[in-house]
C-alpha atoms as a PDB file:
ATOM      1  CA  MET A   1     -16.416  26.095 -20.139  1.00  0.00           C
ATOM      2  CA  PHE A   2     -16.978  28.471 -17.370  1.00  0.00           C
ATOM      3  CA  THR A   3     -15.180  31.609 -17.465  1.00  0.00           C
ATOM      4  CA  PHE A   4     -14.908  34.446 -14.825  1.00  0.00           C
ATOM      5  CA  LYS A   5     -15.462  37.687 -16.324  1.00  0.00           C
ATOM      6  CA  SER A   6     -16.242  40.042 -13.517  1.00  0.00           C
ATOM      7  CA  ALA A   7     -13.398  41.536 -11.478  1.00  0.00           C
ATOM      8  CA  GLY A   8     -14.956  40.004  -8.355  1.00  0.00           C
ATOM      9  CA  ASP A   9     -14.625  36.532  -9.995  1.00  0.00           C
ATOM     10  CA  ARG A  10     -11.183  36.918 -10.892  1.00  0.00           C
ATOM     11  CA  ALA A  11     -10.179  38.503  -7.500  1.00  0.00           C
ATOM     12  CA  TYR A  12     -12.066  35.537  -5.840  1.00  0.00           C
ATOM     13  CA  LEU A  13     -10.260  32.915  -8.233  1.00  0.00           C
ATOM     14  CA  SER A  14      -6.840  34.767  -7.132  1.00  0.00           C
ATOM     15  CA  PHE A  15      -7.510  34.605  -3.477  1.00  0.00           C
ATOM     16  CA  VAL A  16      -8.343  30.776  -3.909  1.00  0.00           C
ATOM     17  CA  TYR A  17      -5.015  30.267  -5.749  1.00  0.00           C
ATOM     18  CA  LEU A  18      -3.234  32.163  -3.277  1.00  0.00           C
ATOM     19  CA  PHE A  19      -4.705  30.228  -0.288  1.00  0.00           C
ATOM     20  CA  LEU A  20      -4.093  26.935  -1.823  1.00  0.00           C
ATOM     21  CA  ALA A  21      -0.168  28.002  -2.509  1.00  0.00           C
ATOM     22  CA  PHE A  22      -0.109  28.892   1.143  1.00  0.00           C
ATOM     23  CA  VAL A  23      -1.282  25.745   2.260  1.00  0.00           C
ATOM     24  CA  PHE A  24       0.873  23.664   0.191  1.00  0.00           C
ATOM     25  CA  VAL A  25       4.127  25.748   1.341  1.00  0.00           C
ATOM     26  CA  ILE A  26       3.242  25.270   4.985  1.00  0.00           C
ATOM     27  CA  THR A  27       2.494  21.476   4.506  1.00  0.00           C
ATOM     28  CA  PHE A  28       5.292  20.763   2.197  1.00  0.00           C
ATOM     29  CA  TYR A  29       7.944  22.625   3.692  1.00  0.00           C
ATOM     30  CA  PRO A  30       8.630  20.640   6.886  1.00  0.00           C
ATOM     31  CA  PHE A  31       8.924  17.560   4.731  1.00  0.00           C
ATOM     32  CA  TRP A  32      11.385  19.445   2.361  1.00  0.00           C
ATOM     33  CA  ASN A  33      13.361  20.753   5.314  1.00  0.00           C
ATOM     34  CA  ILE A  34      13.888  17.059   6.709  1.00  0.00           C
ATOM     35  CA  LEU A  35      15.031  15.871   3.133  1.00  0.00           C
ATOM     36  CA  VAL A  36      17.502  18.890   2.987  1.00  0.00           C
ATOM     37  CA  LEU A  37      18.903  18.169   6.392  1.00  0.00           C
ATOM     38  CA  SER A  38      19.108  14.590   5.756  1.00  0.00           C
ATOM     39  CA  LEU A  39      21.365  15.346   2.613  1.00  0.00           C
ATOM     40  CA  ASN A  40      23.457  17.812   4.357  1.00  0.00           C
ATOM     41  CA  SER A  41      26.814  16.967   5.797  1.00  0.00           C
ATOM     42  CA  ALA A  42      26.530  17.152   9.856  1.00  0.00           C
ATOM     43  CA  ALA A  43      29.716  19.339   9.943  1.00  0.00           C
ATOM     44  CA  ASP A  44      28.049  21.965   8.059  1.00  0.00           C
ATOM     45  CA  ALA A  45      24.625  21.504   9.526  1.00  0.00           C
ATOM     46  CA  VAL A  46      25.812  22.615  13.132  1.00  0.00           C
ATOM     47  CA  ARG A  47      26.117  26.225  11.521  1.00  0.00           C
ATOM     48  CA  GLY A  48      22.614  26.195  10.988  1.00  0.00           C
ATOM     49  CA  GLY A  49      20.722  28.678   8.275  1.00  0.00           C
ATOM     50  CA  ILE A  50      19.869  25.487   6.076  1.00  0.00           C
ATOM     51  CA  TYR A  51      16.483  26.183   4.726  1.00  0.00           C
ATOM     52  CA  LEU A  52      15.795  25.575   1.036  1.00  0.00           C
ATOM     53  CA  TRP A  53      18.866  23.718  -0.248  1.00  0.00           C
ATOM     54  CA  PRO A  54      21.764  21.870   1.365  1.00  0.00           C
ATOM     55  CA  ARG A  55      25.137  23.596   1.434  1.00  0.00           C
ATOM     56  CA  ASP A  56      27.182  20.504   1.713  1.00  0.00           C
ATOM     57  CA  ILE A  57      25.589  17.624   0.034  1.00  0.00           C
ATOM     58  CA  SER A  58      26.354  14.394   1.809  1.00  0.00           C
ATOM     59  CA  PHE A  59      24.804  10.765   1.531  1.00  0.00           C
ATOM     60  CA  ALA A  60      26.717   9.622   4.565  1.00  0.00           C
ATOM     61  CA  SER A  61      23.576   9.703   6.823  1.00  0.00           C
ATOM     62  CA  TYR A  62      21.732   7.276   4.372  1.00  0.00           C
ATOM     63  CA  GLN A  63      24.709   4.966   4.051  1.00  0.00           C
ATOM     64  CA  GLU A  64      25.052   4.798   7.644  1.00  0.00           C
ATOM     65  CA  ILE A  65      21.637   3.693   7.921  1.00  0.00           C
ATOM     66  CA  LEU A  66      21.939   1.043   5.226  1.00  0.00           C
ATOM     67  CA  ARG A  67      24.752  -0.131   7.195  1.00  0.00           C
ATOM     68  CA  ASP A  68      22.729  -0.567  10.470  1.00  0.00           C
ATOM     69  CA  GLN A  69      21.508  -4.077  10.775  1.00  0.00           C
ATOM     70  CA  GLU A  70      18.752  -2.860  13.268  1.00  0.00           C
ATOM     71  CA  ILE A  71      17.375  -0.569  10.670  1.00  0.00           C
ATOM     72  CA  LEU A  72      17.728  -2.934   7.510  1.00  0.00           C
ATOM     73  CA  ASN A  73      15.795  -5.752   9.555  1.00  0.00           C
ATOM     74  CA  GLY A  74      13.056  -3.171  10.606  1.00  0.00           C
ATOM     75  CA  ILE A  75      12.742  -2.247   6.810  1.00  0.00           C
ATOM     76  CA  LYS A  76      12.262  -6.124   6.031  1.00  0.00           C
ATOM     77  CA  VAL A  77      10.006  -6.822   9.016  1.00  0.00           C
ATOM     78  CA  THR A  78       7.760  -3.493   7.898  1.00  0.00           C
ATOM     79  CA  PHE A  79       7.745  -4.590   4.243  1.00  0.00           C
ATOM     80  CA  LEU A  80       6.864  -8.208   5.226  1.00  0.00           C
ATOM     81  CA  ARG A  81       4.143  -7.142   7.484  1.00  0.00           C
ATOM     82  CA  THR A  82       2.531  -4.682   4.940  1.00  0.00           C
ATOM     83  CA  LEU A  83       2.823  -7.411   1.996  1.00  0.00           C
ATOM     84  CA  VAL A  84       1.152 -10.044   3.862  1.00  0.00           C
ATOM     85  CA  GLY A  85      -1.171  -8.155   6.042  1.00  0.00           C
ATOM     86  CA  THR A  86      -2.725  -5.751   3.306  1.00  0.00           C
ATOM     87  CA  PRO A  87      -4.127  -8.319   0.828  1.00  0.00           C
ATOM     88  CA  LEU A  88      -5.469 -10.540   3.635  1.00  0.00           C
ATOM     89  CA  ALA A  89      -7.166  -7.427   5.333  1.00  0.00           C
ATOM     90  CA  VAL A  90      -8.813  -6.623   2.069  1.00  0.00           C
ATOM     91  CA  ALA A  91      -9.914 -10.334   1.556  1.00  0.00           C
ATOM     92  CA  VAL A  92     -11.662 -10.442   5.036  1.00  0.00           C
ATOM     93  CA  ILE A  93     -13.091  -6.992   5.068  1.00  0.00           C
ATOM     94  CA  SER A  94     -14.502  -7.654   1.441  1.00  0.00           C
ATOM     95  CA  LEU A  95     -15.998 -11.134   2.505  1.00  0.00           C
ATOM     96  CA  LEU A  96     -17.548  -9.639   5.466  1.00  0.00           C
ATOM     97  CA  ALA A  97     -18.920  -6.457   3.633  1.00  0.00           C
ATOM     98  CA  PHE A  98     -20.329  -8.892   1.000  1.00  0.00           C
ATOM     99  CA  ALA A  99     -22.304 -10.832   3.701  1.00  0.00           C
ATOM    100  CA  LEU A 100     -23.540  -7.656   5.528  1.00  0.00           C
ATOM    101  CA  SER A 101     -24.289  -6.146   2.107  1.00  0.00           C
ATOM    102  CA  LYS A 102     -27.143  -8.768   1.720  1.00  0.00           C
ATOM    103  CA  ARG A 103     -30.687  -7.298   2.498  1.00  0.00           C
ATOM    104  CA  ASP A 104     -32.222 -10.718   3.060  1.00  0.00           C
ATOM    105  CA  LEU A 105     -29.578 -11.686   5.795  1.00  0.00           C
ATOM    106  CA  VAL A 106     -30.973 -12.896   8.787  1.00  0.00           C
ATOM    107  CA  GLY A 107     -30.269 -10.514  11.546  1.00  0.00           C
ATOM    108  CA  GLY A 108     -28.204  -8.403   9.383  1.00  0.00           C
ATOM    109  CA  ARG A 109     -29.100  -5.316  11.052  1.00  0.00           C
ATOM    110  CA  ALA A 110     -28.169  -6.576  14.593  1.00  0.00           C
ATOM    111  CA  ILE A 111     -24.861  -7.875  13.360  1.00  0.00           C
ATOM    112  CA  GLY A 112     -24.191  -4.415  11.740  1.00  0.00           C
ATOM    113  CA  LEU A 113     -25.023  -2.536  14.925  1.00  0.00           C
ATOM    114  CA  PHE A 114     -22.772  -5.015  17.070  1.00  0.00           C
ATOM    115  CA  PHE A 115     -19.784  -4.405  14.761  1.00  0.00           C
ATOM    116  CA  ILE A 116     -20.554  -0.497  14.759  1.00  0.00           C
ATOM    117  CA  PHE A 117     -20.573  -0.869  18.787  1.00  0.00           C
ATOM    118  CA  THR A 118     -17.023  -1.890  18.590  1.00  0.00           C
ATOM    119  CA  MET A 119     -15.880   1.257  17.033  1.00  0.00           C
ATOM    120  CA  TYR A 120     -17.006   3.499  19.854  1.00  0.00           C
ATOM    121  CA  PHE A 121     -16.245   1.076  22.887  1.00  0.00           C
ATOM    122  CA  GLY A 122     -13.019  -0.995  23.835  1.00  0.00           C
ATOM    123  CA  GLY A 123     -11.741  -2.758  26.631  1.00  0.00           C
ATOM    124  CA  GLY A 124      -8.359  -0.913  26.636  1.00  0.00           C
ATOM    125  CA  LEU A 125      -4.880  -1.859  26.507  1.00  0.00           C
ATOM    126  CA  ILE A 126      -4.365  -4.333  29.427  1.00  0.00           C
ATOM    127  CA  PRO A 127      -7.399  -6.570  28.547  1.00  0.00           C
ATOM    128  CA  TYR A 128      -6.283  -6.479  24.891  1.00  0.00           C
ATOM    129  CA  TYR A 129      -2.723  -7.688  26.033  1.00  0.00           C
ATOM    130  CA  MET A 130      -4.213 -10.240  27.924  1.00  0.00           C
ATOM    131  CA  ILE A 131      -6.385 -11.351  25.078  1.00  0.00           C
ATOM    132  CA  LEU A 132      -3.313 -11.582  22.693  1.00  0.00           C
ATOM    133  CA  LYS A 133      -1.271 -13.283  25.484  1.00  0.00           C
ATOM    134  CA  SER A 134      -3.822 -15.952  25.943  1.00  0.00           C
ATOM    135  CA  VAL A 135      -3.904 -16.937  22.112  1.00  0.00           C
ATOM    136  CA  HIS A 136      -0.088 -16.835  22.089  1.00  0.00           C
ATOM    137  CA  LEU A 137       0.485 -14.043  19.802  1.00  0.00           C
ATOM    138  CA  ILE A 138       2.680 -11.787  22.081  1.00  0.00           C
ATOM    139  CA  ASP A 139       6.329 -11.697  20.456  1.00  0.00           C
ATOM    140  CA  THR A 140       5.372 -13.221  17.243  1.00  0.00           C
ATOM    141  CA  PHE A 141       4.900 -11.824  13.661  1.00  0.00           C
ATOM    142  CA  ALA A 142       1.082 -12.697  13.610  1.00  0.00           C
ATOM    143  CA  VAL A 143       0.637 -10.284  16.317  1.00  0.00           C
ATOM    144  CA  TYR A 144       0.890  -7.690  13.311  1.00  0.00           C
ATOM    145  CA  ILE A 145      -1.357  -9.500  10.966  1.00  0.00           C
ATOM    146  CA  LEU A 146      -4.139 -11.384  12.867  1.00  0.00           C
ATOM    147  CA  PRO A 147      -5.403  -8.332  14.971  1.00  0.00           C
ATOM    148  CA  ASN A 148      -5.582  -6.007  11.942  1.00  0.00           C
ATOM    149  CA  LEU A 149      -7.616  -8.394   9.699  1.00  0.00           C
ATOM    150  CA  MET A 150     -10.723  -6.557  10.362  1.00  0.00           C
ATOM    151  CA  ASN A 151     -11.593  -2.767  10.330  1.00  0.00           C
ATOM    152  CA  VAL A 152     -15.430  -1.834  11.005  1.00  0.00           C
ATOM    153  CA  PHE A 153     -14.781   1.603   9.273  1.00  0.00           C
ATOM    154  CA  PHE A 154     -13.523  -0.148   5.877  1.00  0.00           C
ATOM    155  CA  VAL A 155     -16.282  -2.612   6.074  1.00  0.00           C
ATOM    156  CA  ILE A 156     -18.992  -0.064   6.232  1.00  0.00           C
ATOM    157  CA  ILE A 157     -17.276   1.707   3.079  1.00  0.00           C
ATOM    158  CA  VAL A 158     -17.123  -1.503   1.116  1.00  0.00           C
ATOM    159  CA  ARG A 159     -20.578  -2.508   2.204  1.00  0.00           C
ATOM    160  CA  THR A 160     -22.225   0.618   1.095  1.00  0.00           C
ATOM    161  CA  PHE A 161     -20.123   0.444  -2.104  1.00  0.00           C
ATOM    162  CA  MET A 162     -21.573  -2.951  -2.613  1.00  0.00           C
ATOM    163  CA  GLN A 163     -25.218  -2.118  -1.727  1.00  0.00           C
ATOM    164  CA  GLU A 164     -25.194   0.473  -4.701  1.00  0.00           C
ATOM    165  CA  LEU A 165     -24.797  -2.356  -7.123  1.00  0.00           C
ATOM    166  CA  PRO A 166     -27.678  -3.041  -9.337  1.00  0.00           C
ATOM    167  CA  ALA A 167     -29.601  -5.829  -7.959  1.00  0.00           C
ATOM    168  CA  GLU A 168     -30.399  -6.908 -11.346  1.00  0.00           C
ATOM    169  CA  VAL A 169     -26.602  -8.097 -11.897  1.00  0.00           C
ATOM    170  CA  GLU A 170     -26.810 -10.488  -8.964  1.00  0.00           C
ATOM    171  CA  GLU A 171     -30.218 -11.733 -10.052  1.00  0.00           C
ATOM    172  CA  SER A 172     -29.309 -12.548 -13.489  1.00  0.00           C
ATOM    173  CA  ALA A 173     -26.289 -14.266 -12.377  1.00  0.00           C
ATOM    174  CA  LYS A 174     -28.363 -16.686 -10.124  1.00  0.00           C
ATOM    175  CA  ILE A 175     -30.668 -17.236 -13.229  1.00  0.00           C
ATOM    176  CA  ASP A 176     -27.575 -18.725 -14.964  1.00  0.00           C
ATOM    177  CA  GLY A 177     -26.713 -20.889 -12.056  1.00  0.00           C
ATOM    178  CA  ALA A 178     -24.199 -18.915 -10.210  1.00  0.00           C
ATOM    179  CA  ASN A 179     -23.798 -19.494  -6.401  1.00  0.00           C
ATOM    180  CA  ASP A 180     -22.648 -16.754  -3.714  1.00  0.00           C
ATOM    181  CA  VAL A 181     -18.932 -17.599  -4.148  1.00  0.00           C
ATOM    182  CA  GLN A 182     -19.218 -17.228  -8.122  1.00  0.00           C
ATOM    183  CA  ILE A 183     -21.083 -14.098  -7.676  1.00  0.00           C
ATOM    184  CA  TYR A 184     -18.518 -12.586  -5.120  1.00  0.00           C
ATOM    185  CA  TRP A 185     -15.456 -13.556  -7.045  1.00  0.00           C
ATOM    186  CA  ARG A 186     -16.495 -13.097 -10.788  1.00  0.00           C
ATOM    187  CA  ILE A 187     -18.937 -10.322 -10.423  1.00  0.00           C
ATOM    188  CA  VAL A 188     -18.752  -8.031  -7.351  1.00  0.00           C
ATOM    189  CA  LEU A 189     -14.970  -7.982  -6.738  1.00  0.00           C
ATOM    190  CA  PRO A 190     -14.019  -6.745 -10.430  1.00  0.00           C
ATOM    191  CA  ILE A 191     -16.701  -4.179  -9.995  1.00  0.00           C
ATOM    192  CA  CYS A 192     -15.439  -3.191  -6.453  1.00  0.00           C
ATOM    193  CA  VAL A 193     -11.846  -2.634  -7.188  1.00  0.00           C
ATOM    194  CA  PRO A 194     -11.708   1.265  -6.814  1.00  0.00           C
ATOM    195  CA  VAL A 195     -13.012   0.793  -3.185  1.00  0.00           C
ATOM    196  CA  LEU A 196     -10.821  -2.246  -2.449  1.00  0.00           C
ATOM    197  CA  VAL A 197      -7.673  -0.480  -3.728  1.00  0.00           C
ATOM    198  CA  THR A 198      -8.824   2.327  -1.287  1.00  0.00           C
ATOM    199  CA  ILE A 199      -9.256   0.318   1.763  1.00  0.00           C
ATOM    200  CA  GLY A 200      -5.892  -1.576   0.796  1.00  0.00           C
ATOM    201  CA  LEU A 201      -4.133   1.870   0.634  1.00  0.00           C
ATOM    202  CA  PHE A 202      -5.464   2.441   4.050  1.00  0.00           C
ATOM    203  CA  SER A 203      -4.472  -0.791   5.317  1.00  0.00           C
ATOM    204  CA  ALA A 204      -1.080  -0.624   3.690  1.00  0.00           C
ATOM    205  CA  ILE A 205      -0.532   2.771   5.430  1.00  0.00           C
ATOM    206  CA  ASN A 206      -1.529   1.532   8.792  1.00  0.00           C
ATOM    207  CA  HIS A 207       0.531  -1.324   8.604  1.00  0.00           C
ATOM    208  CA  TRP A 208       3.661   0.955   7.301  1.00  0.00           C
ATOM    209  CA  ASN A 209       3.125   3.499  10.112  1.00  0.00           C
ATOM    210  CA  SER A 210       2.392   1.222  12.905  1.00  0.00           C
ATOM    211  CA  TRP A 211       4.687   1.277  15.575  1.00  0.00           C
ATOM    212  CA  PHE A 212       2.738   0.798  18.967  1.00  0.00           C
ATOM    213  CA  ASP A 213       2.270  -2.855  18.486  1.00  0.00           C
ATOM    214  CA  SER A 214       5.846  -3.471  18.060  1.00  0.00           C
ATOM    215  CA  TYR A 215       6.860  -1.396  20.719  1.00  0.00           C
ATOM    216  CA  VAL A 216       4.136  -3.169  23.271  1.00  0.00           C
ATOM    217  CA  PHE A 217       3.656  -6.611  21.828  1.00  0.00           C
ATOM    218  CA  THR A 218       7.144  -7.779  20.798  1.00  0.00           C
ATOM    219  CA  TYR A 219      10.386  -7.841  22.550  1.00  0.00           C
ATOM    220  CA  LYS A 220      12.754  -9.770  19.967  1.00  0.00           C
ATOM    221  CA  PRO A 221      14.883  -7.382  18.078  1.00  0.00           C
ATOM    222  CA  GLN A 222      14.344  -9.238  15.068  1.00  0.00           C
ATOM    223  CA  LEU A 223      10.526  -8.526  15.092  1.00  0.00           C
ATOM    224  CA  LYS A 224      10.911  -4.828  15.419  1.00  0.00           C
ATOM    225  CA  THR A 225       9.345  -2.745  12.534  1.00  0.00           C
ATOM    226  CA  LEU A 226      10.882   0.438  10.869  1.00  0.00           C
ATOM    227  CA  GLN A 227       8.847   2.619  12.827  1.00  0.00           C
ATOM    228  CA  ALA A 228       9.736   1.325  16.257  1.00  0.00           C
ATOM    229  CA  VAL A 229      13.297   1.679  15.319  1.00  0.00           C
ATOM    230  CA  LEU A 230      12.601   4.977  14.351  1.00  0.00           C
ATOM    231  CA  VAL A 231      11.049   5.852  17.716  1.00  0.00           C
ATOM    232  CA  LYS A 232      13.907   4.074  19.486  1.00  0.00           C
ATOM    233  CA  ILE A 233      16.350   6.287  17.339  1.00  0.00           C
ATOM    234  CA  LEU A 234      14.221   9.633  18.401  1.00  0.00           C
ATOM    235  CA  ASN A 235      14.286   8.617  21.988  1.00  0.00           C
ATOM    236  CA  GLN A 236      17.930   8.166  21.990  1.00  0.00           C
ATOM    237  CA  TYR A 237      18.447  11.530  20.167  1.00  0.00           C
ATOM    238  CA  GLN A 238      16.328  13.303  22.950  1.00  0.00           C
ATOM    239  CA  THR A 239      18.292  11.521  25.632  1.00  0.00           C
ATOM    240  CA  GLN A 240      21.608  12.551  23.855  1.00  0.00           C
ATOM    241  CA  SER A 241      20.345  16.070  24.131  1.00  0.00           C
ATOM    242  CA  PHE A 242      19.820  16.169  27.700  1.00  0.00           C
ATOM    243  CA  THR A 243      22.696  14.240  28.739  1.00  0.00           C
ATOM    244  CA  SER A 244      25.640  15.464  26.547  1.00  0.00           C
ATOM    245  CA  GLY A 245      24.591  18.938  25.836  1.00  0.00           C
ATOM    246  CA  ALA A 246      24.573  21.060  22.666  1.00  0.00           C
ATOM    247  CA  SER A 247      28.183  21.848  22.615  1.00  0.00           C
ATOM    248  CA  GLN A 248      29.258  18.272  22.943  1.00  0.00           C
ATOM    249  CA  MET A 249      26.885  17.556  19.983  1.00  0.00           C
ATOM    250  CA  ALA A 250      28.450  20.182  18.114  1.00  0.00           C
ATOM    251  CA  ASP A 251      31.915  19.208  18.492  1.00  0.00           C
ATOM    252  CA  SER A 252      31.177  15.553  17.780  1.00  0.00           C
ATOM    253  CA  ALA A 253      29.250  16.718  14.356  1.00  0.00           C
ATOM    254  CA  LYS A 254      32.267  18.757  13.262  1.00  0.00           C
ATOM    255  CA  ARG A 255      34.543  15.726  13.470  1.00  0.00           C
ATOM    256  CA  THR A 256      32.343  13.540  11.420  1.00  0.00           C
ATOM    257  CA  ALA A 257      29.805  13.684   8.371  1.00  0.00           C
ATOM    258  CA  VAL A 258      26.945  12.356  10.262  1.00  0.00           C
ATOM    259  CA  SER A 259      25.317  13.314  13.626  1.00  0.00           C
ATOM    260  CA  SER A 260      22.264  12.156  15.540  1.00  0.00           C
ATOM    261  CA  ASP A 261      20.163  14.996  13.783  1.00  0.00           C
ATOM    262  CA  THR A 262      21.286  14.059  10.227  1.00  0.00           C
ATOM    263  CA  ILE A 263      20.639  10.112  11.119  1.00  0.00           C
ATOM    264  CA  ARG A 264      17.267  11.185  12.553  1.00  0.00           C
ATOM    265  CA  MET A 265      16.280  12.875   9.414  1.00  0.00           C
ATOM    266  CA  ALA A 266      17.491  10.244   6.909  1.00  0.00           C
ATOM    267  CA  ALA A 267      15.593   7.587   8.739  1.00  0.00           C
ATOM    268  CA  THR A 268      12.353   9.737   8.706  1.00  0.00           C
ATOM    269  CA  MET A 269      12.865   9.979   4.805  1.00  0.00           C
ATOM    270  CA  VAL A 270      13.409   6.278   4.528  1.00  0.00           C
ATOM    271  CA  ALA A 271      10.125   5.404   6.372  1.00  0.00           C
ATOM    272  CA  THR A 272       8.134   8.107   4.656  1.00  0.00           C
ATOM    273  CA  LEU A 273       8.993   7.855   0.883  1.00  0.00           C
ATOM    274  CA  PRO A 274       7.684   4.425   0.142  1.00  0.00           C
ATOM    275  CA  ILE A 275       4.022   5.424   0.675  1.00  0.00           C
ATOM    276  CA  ILE A 276       4.476   8.859  -0.843  1.00  0.00           C
ATOM    277  CA  LEU A 277       5.735   7.140  -3.973  1.00  0.00           C
ATOM    278  CA  VAL A 278       2.916   4.477  -4.127  1.00  0.00           C
ATOM    279  CA  TYR A 279       0.079   7.301  -3.437  1.00  0.00           C
ATOM    280  CA  PRO A 280       0.124   8.825  -6.973  1.00  0.00           C
ATOM    281  CA  PHE A 281      -0.186   5.535  -8.875  1.00  0.00           C
ATOM    282  CA  LEU A 282      -3.358   4.876  -6.680  1.00  0.00           C
ATOM    283  CA  GLN A 283      -5.020   8.242  -6.354  1.00  0.00           C
ATOM    284  CA  ARG A 284      -7.636   7.737  -8.955  1.00  0.00           C
ATOM    285  CA  PHE A 285      -8.657   4.818  -7.446  1.00  0.00           C
ATOM    286  CA  PHE A 286      -8.766   6.212  -4.107  1.00  0.00           C
ATOM    287  CA  VAL A 287     -10.751   9.341  -4.899  1.00  0.00           C
ATOM    288  CA  LYS A 288     -13.446   7.023  -6.651  1.00  0.00           C
ATOM    289  CA  GLY A 289     -13.473   4.463  -3.900  1.00  0.00           C
ATOM    290  CA  MET A 290     -13.887   6.863  -1.184  1.00  0.00           C
ATOM    291  CA  THR A 291     -16.837   8.945  -3.136  1.00  0.00           C
ATOM    292  CA  LEU A 292     -18.728   5.855  -4.200  1.00  0.00           C
ATOM    293  CA  GLY A 293     -18.178   4.086  -0.922  1.00  0.00           C
ATOM    294  CA  ALA A 294     -19.465   6.899   1.205  1.00  0.00           C
ATOM    295  CA  VAL A 295     -23.039   8.004  -0.814  1.00  0.00           C
ATOM    296  CA  LYS A 296     -24.994   6.777   2.117  1.00  0.00           C
ATOM    297  CA  SER A 297     -24.616   5.058   5.323  1.00  0.00           C
END
């Protein structure tokens, strides 16, 4: 094991640890402060001065959220689109990457360049909206799933991973009589678990955090995602701040255990915690998949 013996080495290591601790504090504290405010009574929160721990612990804001039918429906829609959209996206991306990883694919390079072209150039929001409307996806649950089935960046990562696999594995499988479908299902997929989990995590985060498609492409309240509802709450909070004034908000908070501020913080925590809780279980796959999938372009 390598040890730091000189004073310069110890000073350098101390500086690295201090710098990492500083980065951790400035990145973690905003999230912690949101959690503290969401757990504090609104009547006490108006006094200010809450930084590290709630003075008057109250779960009233979370109880208010769980009684709100709009938020509950948003949680249901977000969970559903994540559970449905993520595995479908992984399946489509892995199939396309498997085809593009074949070096003997006719026109494979041209097809790859065509996909890469779409990463840099797009038609804009209005043409995109018109396309979705022409295929009857507007104001349907499918508008969350079908347009997000394919991501070129993810395809490149998976294709690069597959191209790094030993060619002898596929050749021996073909000698034993396996076709491309069997090779993909029984050999390639099990080997590609790290990179597939990685893009699955990325896709799940995209689905969970997405709000713009719900905001623009759906009108029915029952189709609104949690993030879209959260944006609505934030907008309502800002409107209230401009129209009612800080003194009226303070008076209102003194009469109740919740306020627009604590509701906003609690809603942010509800929207953020699921991804934070899932990530530690997938971290080892995430690191390995990103490293192996980016060996070469």
